[in-house]
Amino acid sequence: MSKPTQRYDVRVLVLALIAVAAGAFVLLRLGANDAGPPGSEAVPSHEAAIGGPFALLDQDGNARSDAEFRGKLMLVFFGYTFCPDVCPLALSTMASAVDALGDKASEVVPLFVTVDPDRDTPARLKDYTAKFGPRIVALTGPADALAQAAKSYRVYYGIPAEKEKEKEGAAHVMDHSAIIFLMGRDGKYLTHFNMHASAPEISAKIAEHL
C-alpha cells in the first residue's frame, strides 16, 4: 500500500513545481512589459504621487504657478546653474527634443526648477537658460517653496557631506536627482527619462501624447 501512496506524492510534487515555474514565467513577462520607453527608467509604483502644485518666480521675476500650464505638456527638470555637466546636458536635450516637434512645440513647456535659490536669482537664471534657446521657463523662489516642489516630484538635492565646508564658496557643487519628468496636460505624471535618453527618444515619446 505504501508504494502507490509514494507515487501519488511524487506526482503532486512534480505538478506543484510545474505550477511554480509557470507562475514565475508569467511574473517575468509582466515585469518585462513594465519597462519604460528607450532612455527611460521603469515606471515607479508611486507614479500617481509624482508632481504637484507650485508657486514660484520665473527668470523675468514673474509669479508662475503650475495651474497656468494646464492644457500643455510639461518637461520638468530640477537642477542648478553652477552644475558642471548634468544640467547643461539635460537642458540641451530638452530644448532639442521640443524643437524637434516643429509646429507642435508650442504645446510643450520645458521647465528648469533650481535647487539652489541662494545663487540662482531670476537674473542669473535668465542669462543661463538663454544659452539653450527661448523656450525654457526657469523657476526659482523661497527655499521652502522649492523644497516643497522638489518633494512633490520626489527629487533629492543637497550639498555632499565632503563639500559642506565649501558651501560659502561661489562654485560649490550640489548633489541632485537627474530625472526629466514628462507631465500631462492635466499636470499628472506620464513618464520620466534618465540622463541616457536622447533628444529624439524624448521627442518621440512626447509626440505620443500630443
N, C-alpha and C. Protein backbone atom coordinates (compact mmCIF):
# COMPACT_ATOMS: atom_id res chain seq x y z
N MET A 1 0.81 -1.22 0.00
CA MET A 1 0.00 0.00 0.00
C MET A 1 0.84 1.26 0.00
N SER A 2 2.07 1.13 0.50
CA SER A 2 2.90 2.32 0.61
C SER A 2 3.41 2.82 -0.71
N LYS A 3 3.62 1.90 -1.68
CA LYS A 3 4.21 2.32 -2.95
C LYS A 3 3.27 3.21 -3.75
N PRO A 4 1.97 2.87 -3.93
CA PRO A 4 1.08 3.78 -4.65
C PRO A 4 1.01 5.15 -4.01
N THR A 5 1.04 5.18 -2.66
CA THR A 5 0.99 6.47 -1.97
C THR A 5 2.22 7.31 -2.29
N GLN A 6 3.39 6.68 -2.36
CA GLN A 6 4.62 7.39 -2.69
C GLN A 6 4.57 7.94 -4.11
N ARG A 7 4.04 7.10 -5.04
CA ARG A 7 3.94 7.57 -6.43
C ARG A 7 3.02 8.78 -6.52
N TYR A 8 1.91 8.72 -5.76
CA TYR A 8 0.97 9.84 -5.75
C TYR A 8 1.63 11.11 -5.22
N ASP A 9 2.43 10.97 -4.14
CA ASP A 9 3.12 12.12 -3.57
C ASP A 9 4.11 12.72 -4.55
N VAL A 10 4.81 11.89 -5.29
CA VAL A 10 5.76 12.37 -6.29
C VAL A 10 5.06 13.15 -7.38
N ARG A 11 3.90 12.61 -7.84
CA ARG A 11 3.14 13.31 -8.88
C ARG A 11 2.67 14.67 -8.40
N VAL A 12 2.22 14.75 -7.14
CA VAL A 12 1.77 16.03 -6.58
C VAL A 12 2.92 17.03 -6.52
N LEU A 13 4.09 16.53 -6.11
CA LEU A 13 5.26 17.40 -6.02
C LEU A 13 5.66 17.93 -7.39
N VAL A 14 5.64 17.06 -8.40
CA VAL A 14 6.00 17.48 -9.76
C VAL A 14 5.03 18.52 -10.28
N LEU A 15 3.74 18.30 -10.07
CA LEU A 15 2.73 19.27 -10.52
C LEU A 15 2.89 20.61 -9.81
N ALA A 16 3.23 20.56 -8.52
CA ALA A 16 3.43 21.81 -7.77
C ALA A 16 4.62 22.58 -8.32
N LEU A 17 5.71 21.87 -8.64
CA LEU A 17 6.89 22.54 -9.19
C LEU A 17 6.59 23.16 -10.54
N ILE A 18 5.81 22.45 -11.37
CA ILE A 18 5.43 23.00 -12.68
C ILE A 18 4.61 24.27 -12.51
N ALA A 19 3.69 24.26 -11.53
CA ALA A 19 2.86 25.45 -11.30
C ALA A 19 3.70 26.64 -10.86
N VAL A 20 4.67 26.39 -9.97
CA VAL A 20 5.55 27.46 -9.51
C VAL A 20 6.37 28.03 -10.66
N ALA A 21 6.89 27.14 -11.50
CA ALA A 21 7.69 27.57 -12.65
C ALA A 21 6.86 28.41 -13.61
N ALA A 22 5.62 27.98 -13.85
CA ALA A 22 4.74 28.73 -14.75
C ALA A 22 4.43 30.10 -14.19
N GLY A 23 4.18 30.16 -12.87
CA GLY A 23 3.91 31.45 -12.25
C GLY A 23 5.08 32.39 -12.34
N ALA A 24 6.28 31.86 -12.13
CA ALA A 24 7.49 32.68 -12.24
C ALA A 24 7.65 33.23 -13.64
N PHE A 25 7.34 32.41 -14.65
CA PHE A 25 7.45 32.85 -16.05
C PHE A 25 6.50 34.01 -16.33
N VAL A 26 5.26 33.90 -15.82
CA VAL A 26 4.28 34.96 -16.03
C VAL A 26 4.74 36.26 -15.38
N LEU A 27 5.28 36.16 -14.16
CA LEU A 27 5.75 37.36 -13.48
C LEU A 27 6.89 38.02 -14.23
N LEU A 28 7.78 37.20 -14.79
CA LEU A 28 8.89 37.76 -15.56
C LEU A 28 8.37 38.48 -16.79
N ARG A 29 7.36 37.91 -17.45
CA ARG A 29 6.80 38.56 -18.64
C ARG A 29 6.14 39.88 -18.28
N LEU A 30 5.42 39.89 -17.15
CA LEU A 30 4.78 41.13 -16.72
C LEU A 30 5.82 42.18 -16.39
N GLY A 31 6.90 41.76 -15.77
CA GLY A 31 7.97 42.70 -15.45
C GLY A 31 8.57 43.29 -16.70
N ALA A 32 8.74 42.46 -17.74
CA ALA A 32 9.30 42.95 -19.00
C ALA A 32 8.38 43.96 -19.64
N ASN A 33 7.05 43.75 -19.52
CA ASN A 33 6.10 44.66 -20.13
C ASN A 33 6.03 45.99 -19.40
N ASP A 34 6.56 46.06 -18.17
CA ASP A 34 6.53 47.30 -17.41
C ASP A 34 7.68 48.21 -17.77
N ALA A 35 8.59 47.76 -18.62
CA ALA A 35 9.74 48.59 -18.96
C ALA A 35 9.29 49.86 -19.64
N GLY A 36 10.00 50.95 -19.39
CA GLY A 36 9.65 52.24 -19.97
C GLY A 36 10.16 52.36 -21.38
N PRO A 37 9.98 53.53 -22.02
CA PRO A 37 10.45 53.75 -23.37
C PRO A 37 11.96 53.81 -23.41
N PRO A 38 12.56 53.75 -24.61
CA PRO A 38 14.03 53.83 -24.69
C PRO A 38 14.54 55.07 -23.97
N GLY A 39 15.55 54.89 -23.13
CA GLY A 39 16.10 56.02 -22.41
C GLY A 39 15.36 56.37 -21.14
N SER A 40 14.26 55.70 -20.88
CA SER A 40 13.52 55.99 -19.66
C SER A 40 13.83 54.93 -18.63
N GLU A 41 13.37 55.18 -17.41
CA GLU A 41 13.51 54.19 -16.36
C GLU A 41 12.16 53.53 -16.15
N ALA A 42 12.13 52.41 -15.45
CA ALA A 42 10.88 51.73 -15.18
C ALA A 42 9.92 52.68 -14.48
N VAL A 43 8.64 52.60 -14.82
CA VAL A 43 7.65 53.46 -14.21
C VAL A 43 7.50 53.10 -12.74
N PRO A 44 7.69 54.05 -11.83
CA PRO A 44 7.62 53.74 -10.41
C PRO A 44 6.20 53.41 -9.98
N SER A 45 6.06 52.60 -8.94
CA SER A 45 4.74 52.20 -8.48
C SER A 45 3.97 53.37 -7.89
N HIS A 46 4.69 54.44 -7.47
CA HIS A 46 4.04 55.59 -6.86
C HIS A 46 3.82 56.71 -7.88
N GLU A 47 3.68 56.36 -9.16
CA GLU A 47 3.62 57.37 -10.21
C GLU A 47 2.52 58.39 -9.97
N ALA A 48 1.40 57.97 -9.38
CA ALA A 48 0.30 58.91 -9.17
C ALA A 48 0.68 60.01 -8.19
N ALA A 49 1.71 59.78 -7.39
CA ALA A 49 2.10 60.76 -6.38
C ALA A 49 3.17 61.71 -6.88
N ILE A 50 3.60 61.57 -8.12
CA ILE A 50 4.64 62.44 -8.66
C ILE A 50 4.03 63.71 -9.24
N GLY A 51 4.56 64.85 -8.82
CA GLY A 51 4.06 66.13 -9.30
C GLY A 51 3.12 66.77 -8.28
N GLY A 52 2.90 68.06 -8.46
CA GLY A 52 2.02 68.77 -7.54
C GLY A 52 2.06 70.26 -7.80
N PRO A 53 1.31 71.01 -7.06
CA PRO A 53 1.25 72.47 -7.26
C PRO A 53 2.53 73.17 -6.85
N PHE A 54 2.80 74.29 -7.51
CA PHE A 54 3.93 75.14 -7.12
C PHE A 54 3.60 76.59 -7.42
N ALA A 55 4.22 77.48 -6.68
CA ALA A 55 4.07 78.92 -6.91
C ALA A 55 5.47 79.52 -6.77
N LEU A 56 6.09 79.85 -7.91
CA LEU A 56 7.48 80.28 -7.94
C LEU A 56 7.64 81.51 -8.82
N LEU A 57 8.88 81.93 -9.04
CA LEU A 57 9.19 83.07 -9.91
C LEU A 57 9.98 82.60 -11.11
N ASP A 58 9.68 83.17 -12.28
CA ASP A 58 10.45 82.79 -13.46
C ASP A 58 11.67 83.70 -13.63
N GLN A 59 12.39 83.49 -14.73
CA GLN A 59 13.64 84.23 -14.94
C GLN A 59 13.42 85.71 -15.22
N ASP A 60 12.17 86.12 -15.42
CA ASP A 60 11.86 87.54 -15.59
C ASP A 60 11.28 88.14 -14.32
N GLY A 61 11.25 87.34 -13.24
CA GLY A 61 10.73 87.84 -11.98
C GLY A 61 9.22 87.76 -11.87
N ASN A 62 8.57 87.09 -12.83
CA ASN A 62 7.11 86.98 -12.81
C ASN A 62 6.67 85.78 -12.00
N ALA A 63 5.56 85.92 -11.26
CA ALA A 63 4.99 84.82 -10.50
C ALA A 63 4.42 83.79 -11.47
N ARG A 64 4.77 82.52 -11.26
CA ARG A 64 4.28 81.43 -12.12
C ARG A 64 3.78 80.30 -11.23
N SER A 65 2.71 79.66 -11.66
CA SER A 65 2.19 78.51 -10.93
C SER A 65 1.94 77.37 -11.90
N ASP A 66 1.79 76.19 -11.37
CA ASP A 66 1.53 75.02 -12.21
C ASP A 66 0.22 75.15 -12.95
N ALA A 67 -0.76 75.84 -12.37
CA ALA A 67 -2.10 75.93 -12.95
C ALA A 67 -2.09 76.58 -14.33
N GLU A 68 -1.18 77.53 -14.55
CA GLU A 68 -1.19 78.24 -15.83
C GLU A 68 -0.69 77.39 -16.98
N PHE A 69 -0.10 76.22 -16.69
CA PHE A 69 0.40 75.36 -17.75
C PHE A 69 -0.58 74.23 -18.09
N ARG A 70 -1.76 74.25 -17.50
CA ARG A 70 -2.75 73.25 -17.82
C ARG A 70 -3.14 73.38 -19.29
N GLY A 71 -3.32 72.25 -19.92
CA GLY A 71 -3.63 72.25 -21.35
C GLY A 71 -2.39 72.02 -22.19
N LYS A 72 -1.22 72.08 -21.55
CA LYS A 72 0.03 71.81 -22.24
C LYS A 72 0.79 70.70 -21.51
N LEU A 73 1.68 70.04 -22.22
CA LEU A 73 2.57 69.08 -21.58
C LEU A 73 3.72 69.85 -20.93
N MET A 74 4.32 69.26 -19.91
CA MET A 74 5.46 69.88 -19.26
C MET A 74 6.62 68.88 -19.21
N LEU A 75 7.81 69.37 -19.54
CA LEU A 75 9.04 68.64 -19.27
C LEU A 75 9.66 69.33 -18.07
N VAL A 76 9.89 68.61 -16.99
CA VAL A 76 10.34 69.23 -15.75
C VAL A 76 11.68 68.64 -15.32
N PHE A 77 12.63 69.53 -15.04
CA PHE A 77 13.95 69.09 -14.57
C PHE A 77 14.40 69.98 -13.43
N PHE A 78 14.89 69.37 -12.36
CA PHE A 78 15.42 70.10 -11.22
C PHE A 78 16.94 70.10 -11.27
N GLY A 79 17.54 71.29 -11.13
CA GLY A 79 19.00 71.39 -11.19
C GLY A 79 19.46 72.74 -10.70
N TYR A 80 20.64 73.16 -11.14
CA TYR A 80 21.14 74.48 -10.73
C TYR A 80 22.18 74.97 -11.75
N THR A 81 22.35 76.26 -11.83
CA THR A 81 23.15 76.85 -12.90
C THR A 81 24.64 76.61 -12.75
N PHE A 82 25.12 76.34 -11.54
CA PHE A 82 26.54 76.08 -11.34
C PHE A 82 26.89 74.61 -11.59
N CYS A 83 25.92 73.82 -11.95
CA CYS A 83 26.13 72.40 -12.23
C CYS A 83 27.12 72.26 -13.39
N PRO A 84 28.17 71.46 -13.22
CA PRO A 84 29.22 71.40 -14.24
C PRO A 84 28.89 70.60 -15.49
N ASP A 85 27.98 69.63 -15.40
CA ASP A 85 27.78 68.78 -16.57
C ASP A 85 26.35 68.28 -16.75
N VAL A 86 25.73 67.72 -15.72
CA VAL A 86 24.42 67.09 -15.86
C VAL A 86 23.36 68.09 -16.31
N CYS A 87 23.30 69.24 -15.68
CA CYS A 87 22.25 70.22 -16.00
C CYS A 87 22.38 70.80 -17.41
N PRO A 88 23.58 71.19 -17.86
CA PRO A 88 23.68 71.66 -19.24
C PRO A 88 23.25 70.60 -20.24
N LEU A 89 23.60 69.34 -19.97
CA LEU A 89 23.20 68.27 -20.87
C LEU A 89 21.69 68.10 -20.88
N ALA A 90 21.08 68.12 -19.70
CA ALA A 90 19.63 67.95 -19.62
C ALA A 90 18.89 69.07 -20.34
N LEU A 91 19.30 70.30 -20.12
CA LEU A 91 18.62 71.43 -20.76
C LEU A 91 18.81 71.43 -22.26
N SER A 92 20.00 71.07 -22.70
CA SER A 92 20.25 70.99 -24.14
C SER A 92 19.38 69.90 -24.77
N THR A 93 19.27 68.76 -24.09
CA THR A 93 18.46 67.66 -24.60
C THR A 93 16.99 68.04 -24.62
N MET A 94 16.52 68.68 -23.56
CA MET A 94 15.12 69.10 -23.51
C MET A 94 14.80 70.09 -24.62
N ALA A 95 15.67 71.07 -24.80
CA ALA A 95 15.44 72.08 -25.83
C ALA A 95 15.40 71.45 -27.21
N SER A 96 16.32 70.55 -27.49
CA SER A 96 16.36 69.89 -28.79
C SER A 96 15.13 69.01 -29.01
N ALA A 97 14.70 68.32 -27.95
CA ALA A 97 13.53 67.44 -28.05
C ALA A 97 12.28 68.24 -28.39
N VAL A 98 12.12 69.38 -27.75
CA VAL A 98 10.94 70.21 -28.00
C VAL A 98 11.03 70.85 -29.39
N ASP A 99 12.18 71.36 -29.77
CA ASP A 99 12.34 71.96 -31.09
C ASP A 99 12.00 70.97 -32.21
N ALA A 100 12.33 69.70 -31.97
CA ALA A 100 12.10 68.68 -33.00
C ALA A 100 10.61 68.43 -33.25
N LEU A 101 9.76 68.95 -32.39
CA LEU A 101 8.31 68.76 -32.56
C LEU A 101 7.72 69.71 -33.60
N GLY A 102 8.50 70.65 -34.06
CA GLY A 102 8.04 71.57 -35.10
C GLY A 102 6.86 72.41 -34.67
N ASP A 103 5.77 72.36 -35.43
CA ASP A 103 4.59 73.16 -35.13
C ASP A 103 3.95 72.80 -33.80
N LYS A 104 4.23 71.62 -33.30
CA LYS A 104 3.64 71.17 -32.05
C LYS A 104 4.45 71.62 -30.82
N ALA A 105 5.59 72.25 -31.05
CA ALA A 105 6.48 72.62 -29.95
C ALA A 105 5.81 73.55 -28.95
N SER A 106 4.90 74.38 -29.42
CA SER A 106 4.24 75.34 -28.53
C SER A 106 3.33 74.65 -27.52
N GLU A 107 3.06 73.36 -27.71
CA GLU A 107 2.19 72.63 -26.79
C GLU A 107 2.95 72.00 -25.63
N VAL A 108 4.26 72.24 -25.59
CA VAL A 108 5.11 71.66 -24.55
C VAL A 108 5.90 72.77 -23.86
N VAL A 109 5.91 72.77 -22.54
CA VAL A 109 6.67 73.76 -21.77
C VAL A 109 7.81 73.07 -21.03
N PRO A 110 9.06 73.36 -21.41
CA PRO A 110 10.19 72.81 -20.65
C PRO A 110 10.50 73.68 -19.44
N LEU A 111 10.46 73.08 -18.26
CA LEU A 111 10.67 73.82 -17.02
C LEU A 111 11.98 73.41 -16.36
N PHE A 112 12.77 74.39 -15.97
CA PHE A 112 14.01 74.17 -15.23
C PHE A 112 13.83 74.77 -13.85
N VAL A 113 13.74 73.92 -12.84
CA VAL A 113 13.49 74.38 -11.47
C VAL A 113 14.80 74.30 -10.68
N THR A 114 15.27 75.42 -10.16
CA THR A 114 16.54 75.41 -9.44
C THR A 114 16.40 74.77 -8.06
N VAL A 115 17.47 74.13 -7.62
CA VAL A 115 17.54 73.61 -6.26
C VAL A 115 18.58 74.42 -5.46
N ASP A 116 18.95 75.57 -6.01
CA ASP A 116 19.99 76.41 -5.42
C ASP A 116 19.54 77.87 -5.41
N PRO A 117 18.46 78.17 -4.67
CA PRO A 117 17.86 79.51 -4.74
C PRO A 117 18.77 80.63 -4.24
N ASP A 118 19.72 80.33 -3.37
CA ASP A 118 20.60 81.38 -2.86
C ASP A 118 21.45 81.99 -3.97
N ARG A 119 21.85 81.18 -4.93
CA ARG A 119 22.68 81.68 -6.02
C ARG A 119 21.91 81.89 -7.31
N ASP A 120 20.88 81.09 -7.52
CA ASP A 120 20.13 81.17 -8.78
C ASP A 120 19.01 82.19 -8.69
N THR A 121 19.38 83.43 -8.83
CA THR A 121 18.41 84.52 -8.88
C THR A 121 17.73 84.53 -10.25
N PRO A 122 16.61 85.22 -10.38
CA PRO A 122 15.98 85.31 -11.71
C PRO A 122 16.95 85.81 -12.77
N ALA A 123 17.76 86.81 -12.45
CA ALA A 123 18.69 87.37 -13.44
C ALA A 123 19.71 86.32 -13.88
N ARG A 124 20.24 85.56 -12.93
CA ARG A 124 21.21 84.53 -13.29
C ARG A 124 20.54 83.43 -14.12
N LEU A 125 19.34 83.04 -13.74
CA LEU A 125 18.63 82.02 -14.50
C LEU A 125 18.35 82.49 -15.93
N LYS A 126 18.05 83.78 -16.08
CA LYS A 126 17.77 84.31 -17.41
C LYS A 126 19.01 84.24 -18.30
N ASP A 127 20.15 84.63 -17.77
CA ASP A 127 21.39 84.56 -18.54
C ASP A 127 21.74 83.11 -18.88
N TYR A 128 21.55 82.24 -17.91
CA TYR A 128 21.94 80.83 -18.09
C TYR A 128 21.06 80.12 -19.11
N THR A 129 19.75 80.23 -18.97
CA THR A 129 18.85 79.49 -19.86
C THR A 129 18.83 80.05 -21.27
N ALA A 130 19.26 81.29 -21.45
CA ALA A 130 19.32 81.88 -22.79
C ALA A 130 20.24 81.07 -23.71
N LYS A 131 21.20 80.36 -23.12
CA LYS A 131 22.13 79.56 -23.90
C LYS A 131 21.43 78.37 -24.57
N PHE A 132 20.25 78.02 -24.07
CA PHE A 132 19.57 76.84 -24.56
C PHE A 132 18.31 77.18 -25.35
N GLY A 133 18.18 78.42 -25.73
CA GLY A 133 17.03 78.82 -26.53
C GLY A 133 15.95 79.49 -25.70
N PRO A 134 14.93 80.01 -26.38
CA PRO A 134 13.91 80.83 -25.70
C PRO A 134 12.76 80.07 -25.06
N ARG A 135 12.69 78.77 -25.24
CA ARG A 135 11.51 78.03 -24.78
C ARG A 135 11.54 77.70 -23.29
N ILE A 136 12.71 77.57 -22.71
CA ILE A 136 12.80 77.09 -21.34
C ILE A 136 12.32 78.14 -20.34
N VAL A 137 11.44 77.70 -19.46
CA VAL A 137 10.99 78.54 -18.35
C VAL A 137 11.76 78.11 -17.12
N ALA A 138 12.56 79.04 -16.56
CA ALA A 138 13.37 78.74 -15.39
C ALA A 138 12.66 79.28 -14.15
N LEU A 139 12.67 78.50 -13.09
CA LEU A 139 11.92 78.86 -11.89
C LEU A 139 12.81 78.87 -10.64
N THR A 140 12.60 79.86 -9.80
CA THR A 140 13.27 79.95 -8.51
C THR A 140 12.25 80.46 -7.51
N GLY A 141 12.71 80.73 -6.30
CA GLY A 141 11.79 81.22 -5.28
C GLY A 141 12.34 80.96 -3.90
N PRO A 142 11.52 81.15 -2.86
CA PRO A 142 11.95 80.89 -1.49
C PRO A 142 12.37 79.42 -1.33
N ALA A 143 13.34 79.19 -0.46
CA ALA A 143 13.86 77.84 -0.28
C ALA A 143 12.78 76.84 0.12
N ASP A 144 11.84 77.26 0.96
CA ASP A 144 10.80 76.32 1.39
C ASP A 144 9.84 75.97 0.26
N ALA A 145 9.56 76.93 -0.61
CA ALA A 145 8.68 76.66 -1.75
C ALA A 145 9.34 75.71 -2.74
N LEU A 146 10.64 75.88 -2.96
CA LEU A 146 11.38 74.99 -3.85
C LEU A 146 11.50 73.59 -3.23
N ALA A 147 11.69 73.54 -1.94
CA ALA A 147 11.77 72.25 -1.25
C ALA A 147 10.47 71.49 -1.39
N GLN A 148 9.35 72.19 -1.29
CA GLN A 148 8.04 71.55 -1.43
C GLN A 148 7.84 71.04 -2.85
N ALA A 149 8.26 71.84 -3.84
CA ALA A 149 8.13 71.41 -5.23
C ALA A 149 8.98 70.16 -5.49
N ALA A 150 10.21 70.17 -4.99
CA ALA A 150 11.09 69.02 -5.17
C ALA A 150 10.51 67.78 -4.49
N LYS A 151 9.95 67.97 -3.32
CA LYS A 151 9.36 66.85 -2.59
C LYS A 151 8.20 66.25 -3.36
N SER A 152 7.39 67.09 -3.99
CA SER A 152 6.23 66.58 -4.73
C SER A 152 6.65 65.76 -5.96
N TYR A 153 7.84 66.05 -6.48
CA TYR A 153 8.37 65.28 -7.61
C TYR A 153 9.33 64.18 -7.14
N ARG A 154 9.45 64.03 -5.83
CA ARG A 154 10.33 63.01 -5.23
C ARG A 154 11.78 63.20 -5.68
N VAL A 155 12.19 64.45 -5.74
CA VAL A 155 13.54 64.80 -6.17
C VAL A 155 14.42 65.04 -4.94
N TYR A 156 15.63 64.49 -4.97
CA TYR A 156 16.60 64.71 -3.91
C TYR A 156 17.59 65.80 -4.32
N TYR A 157 18.03 66.62 -3.36
CA TYR A 157 19.13 67.54 -3.62
C TYR A 157 19.79 67.92 -2.30
N GLY A 158 21.03 68.31 -2.37
CA GLY A 158 21.76 68.72 -1.17
C GLY A 158 23.24 68.84 -1.45
N ILE A 159 23.95 69.45 -0.53
CA ILE A 159 25.40 69.59 -0.65
C ILE A 159 26.06 68.32 -0.15
N PRO A 160 26.93 67.70 -0.92
CA PRO A 160 27.62 66.48 -0.45
C PRO A 160 28.35 66.76 0.85
N ALA A 161 28.37 65.78 1.74
CA ALA A 161 28.99 65.96 3.05
C ALA A 161 30.44 66.41 2.95
N GLU A 162 31.16 65.84 1.97
CA GLU A 162 32.57 66.19 1.84
C GLU A 162 32.78 67.60 1.30
N LYS A 163 31.69 68.22 0.80
CA LYS A 163 31.79 69.57 0.26
C LYS A 163 31.15 70.61 1.18
N GLU A 164 30.71 70.19 2.35
CA GLU A 164 29.98 71.07 3.25
C GLU A 164 30.77 72.32 3.61
N LYS A 165 32.08 72.20 3.77
CA LYS A 165 32.90 73.33 4.15
C LYS A 165 33.02 74.36 3.04
N GLU A 166 32.68 73.95 1.80
CA GLU A 166 32.82 74.86 0.67
C GLU A 166 31.51 75.56 0.32
N LYS A 167 30.47 75.36 1.12
CA LYS A 167 29.15 75.85 0.73
C LYS A 167 29.07 77.37 0.64
N GLU A 168 30.02 78.06 1.27
CA GLU A 168 30.02 79.52 1.17
C GLU A 168 30.69 80.00 -0.11
N GLY A 169 31.38 79.11 -0.77
CA GLY A 169 32.08 79.48 -2.00
C GLY A 169 31.13 79.65 -3.17
N ALA A 170 31.55 80.43 -4.14
CA ALA A 170 30.68 80.75 -5.27
C ALA A 170 30.44 79.55 -6.18
N ALA A 171 31.34 78.59 -6.14
CA ALA A 171 31.24 77.49 -7.10
C ALA A 171 31.02 76.13 -6.43
N HIS A 172 30.44 76.10 -5.23
CA HIS A 172 30.25 74.81 -4.58
C HIS A 172 29.26 73.95 -5.37
N VAL A 173 29.49 72.66 -5.31
CA VAL A 173 28.65 71.73 -6.07
C VAL A 173 27.54 71.17 -5.19
N MET A 174 26.52 70.63 -5.85
CA MET A 174 25.39 70.04 -5.14
C MET A 174 25.06 68.69 -5.78
N ASP A 175 24.58 67.79 -4.96
CA ASP A 175 24.02 66.54 -5.48
C ASP A 175 22.54 66.78 -5.76
N HIS A 176 22.04 66.16 -6.82
CA HIS A 176 20.60 66.26 -7.08
C HIS A 176 20.18 65.15 -8.03
N SER A 177 18.91 64.83 -8.00
CA SER A 177 18.37 63.83 -8.92
C SER A 177 18.50 64.32 -10.35
N ALA A 178 18.75 63.40 -11.26
CA ALA A 178 18.93 63.77 -12.67
C ALA A 178 17.86 63.10 -13.52
N ILE A 179 16.63 63.51 -13.30
CA ILE A 179 15.48 62.92 -13.99
C ILE A 179 14.69 64.01 -14.70
N ILE A 180 14.32 63.74 -15.94
CA ILE A 180 13.44 64.63 -16.69
C ILE A 180 12.03 64.03 -16.66
N PHE A 181 11.08 64.78 -16.11
CA PHE A 181 9.71 64.29 -15.99
C PHE A 181 8.85 64.82 -17.14
N LEU A 182 8.00 63.96 -17.67
CA LEU A 182 7.01 64.37 -18.66
C LEU A 182 5.65 64.35 -17.97
N MET A 183 5.03 65.52 -17.89
CA MET A 183 3.74 65.66 -17.22
C MET A 183 2.65 65.95 -18.25
N GLY A 184 1.45 65.45 -17.99
CA GLY A 184 0.35 65.58 -18.93
C GLY A 184 -0.30 66.95 -18.93
N ARG A 185 -1.25 67.10 -19.80
CA ARG A 185 -1.97 68.38 -19.92
C ARG A 185 -2.75 68.70 -18.64
N ASP A 186 -3.03 67.69 -17.86
CA ASP A 186 -3.74 67.88 -16.60
C ASP A 186 -2.77 68.01 -15.42
N GLY A 187 -1.48 68.04 -15.72
CA GLY A 187 -0.48 68.18 -14.67
C GLY A 187 -0.07 66.87 -14.02
N LYS A 188 -0.62 65.77 -14.51
CA LYS A 188 -0.30 64.48 -13.91
C LYS A 188 0.86 63.79 -14.63
N TYR A 189 1.54 62.97 -13.88
CA TYR A 189 2.73 62.25 -14.37
C TYR A 189 2.39 61.34 -15.54
N LEU A 190 3.25 61.37 -16.57
CA LEU A 190 3.13 60.46 -17.70
C LEU A 190 4.29 59.47 -17.73
N THR A 191 5.52 59.98 -17.71
CA THR A 191 6.69 59.13 -17.68
C THR A 191 7.90 59.98 -17.31
N HIS A 192 9.06 59.36 -17.25
CA HIS A 192 10.28 60.14 -16.98
C HIS A 192 11.44 59.52 -17.73
N PHE A 193 12.52 60.29 -17.84
CA PHE A 193 13.69 59.89 -18.61
C PHE A 193 14.95 60.07 -17.77
N ASN A 194 15.89 59.16 -17.93
CA ASN A 194 17.17 59.33 -17.25
C ASN A 194 18.12 60.10 -18.16
N MET A 195 19.34 60.29 -17.71
CA MET A 195 20.28 61.12 -18.45
C MET A 195 20.87 60.44 -19.69
N HIS A 196 20.50 59.18 -19.90
CA HIS A 196 20.96 58.50 -21.12
C HIS A 196 19.98 58.68 -22.27
N ALA A 197 18.83 59.27 -21.99
CA ALA A 197 17.82 59.46 -23.03
C ALA A 197 18.29 60.52 -24.02
N SER A 198 18.09 60.26 -25.30
CA SER A 198 18.47 61.22 -26.34
C SER A 198 17.28 62.13 -26.66
N ALA A 199 17.57 63.25 -27.32
CA ALA A 199 16.51 64.17 -27.71
C ALA A 199 15.49 63.51 -28.63
N PRO A 200 15.91 62.71 -29.64
CA PRO A 200 14.91 62.04 -30.49
C PRO A 200 14.01 61.09 -29.71
N GLU A 201 14.56 60.38 -28.73
CA GLU A 201 13.76 59.45 -27.93
C GLU A 201 12.72 60.20 -27.12
N ILE A 202 13.14 61.30 -26.51
CA ILE A 202 12.21 62.09 -25.71
C ILE A 202 11.15 62.73 -26.60
N SER A 203 11.58 63.25 -27.73
CA SER A 203 10.64 63.89 -28.66
C SER A 203 9.59 62.90 -29.15
N ALA A 204 10.01 61.68 -29.45
CA ALA A 204 9.09 60.65 -29.92
C ALA A 204 8.05 60.30 -28.85
N LYS A 205 8.51 60.24 -27.61
CA LYS A 205 7.59 59.93 -26.52
C LYS A 205 6.61 61.07 -26.28
N ILE A 206 7.08 62.31 -26.38
CA ILE A 206 6.20 63.47 -26.23
C ILE A 206 5.12 63.44 -27.31
N ALA A 207 5.54 63.13 -28.54
CA ALA A 207 4.61 63.13 -29.67
C ALA A 207 3.44 62.17 -29.47
N GLU A 208 3.66 61.11 -28.70
CA GLU A 208 2.58 60.15 -28.43
C GLU A 208 1.45 60.78 -27.64
N HIS A 209 1.74 61.87 -26.95
CA HIS A 209 0.74 62.50 -26.08
C HIS A 209 0.22 63.82 -26.63
N LEU A 210 0.61 64.17 -27.83
CA LEU A 210 0.14 65.43 -28.44
C LEU A 210 -1.12 65.22 -29.26
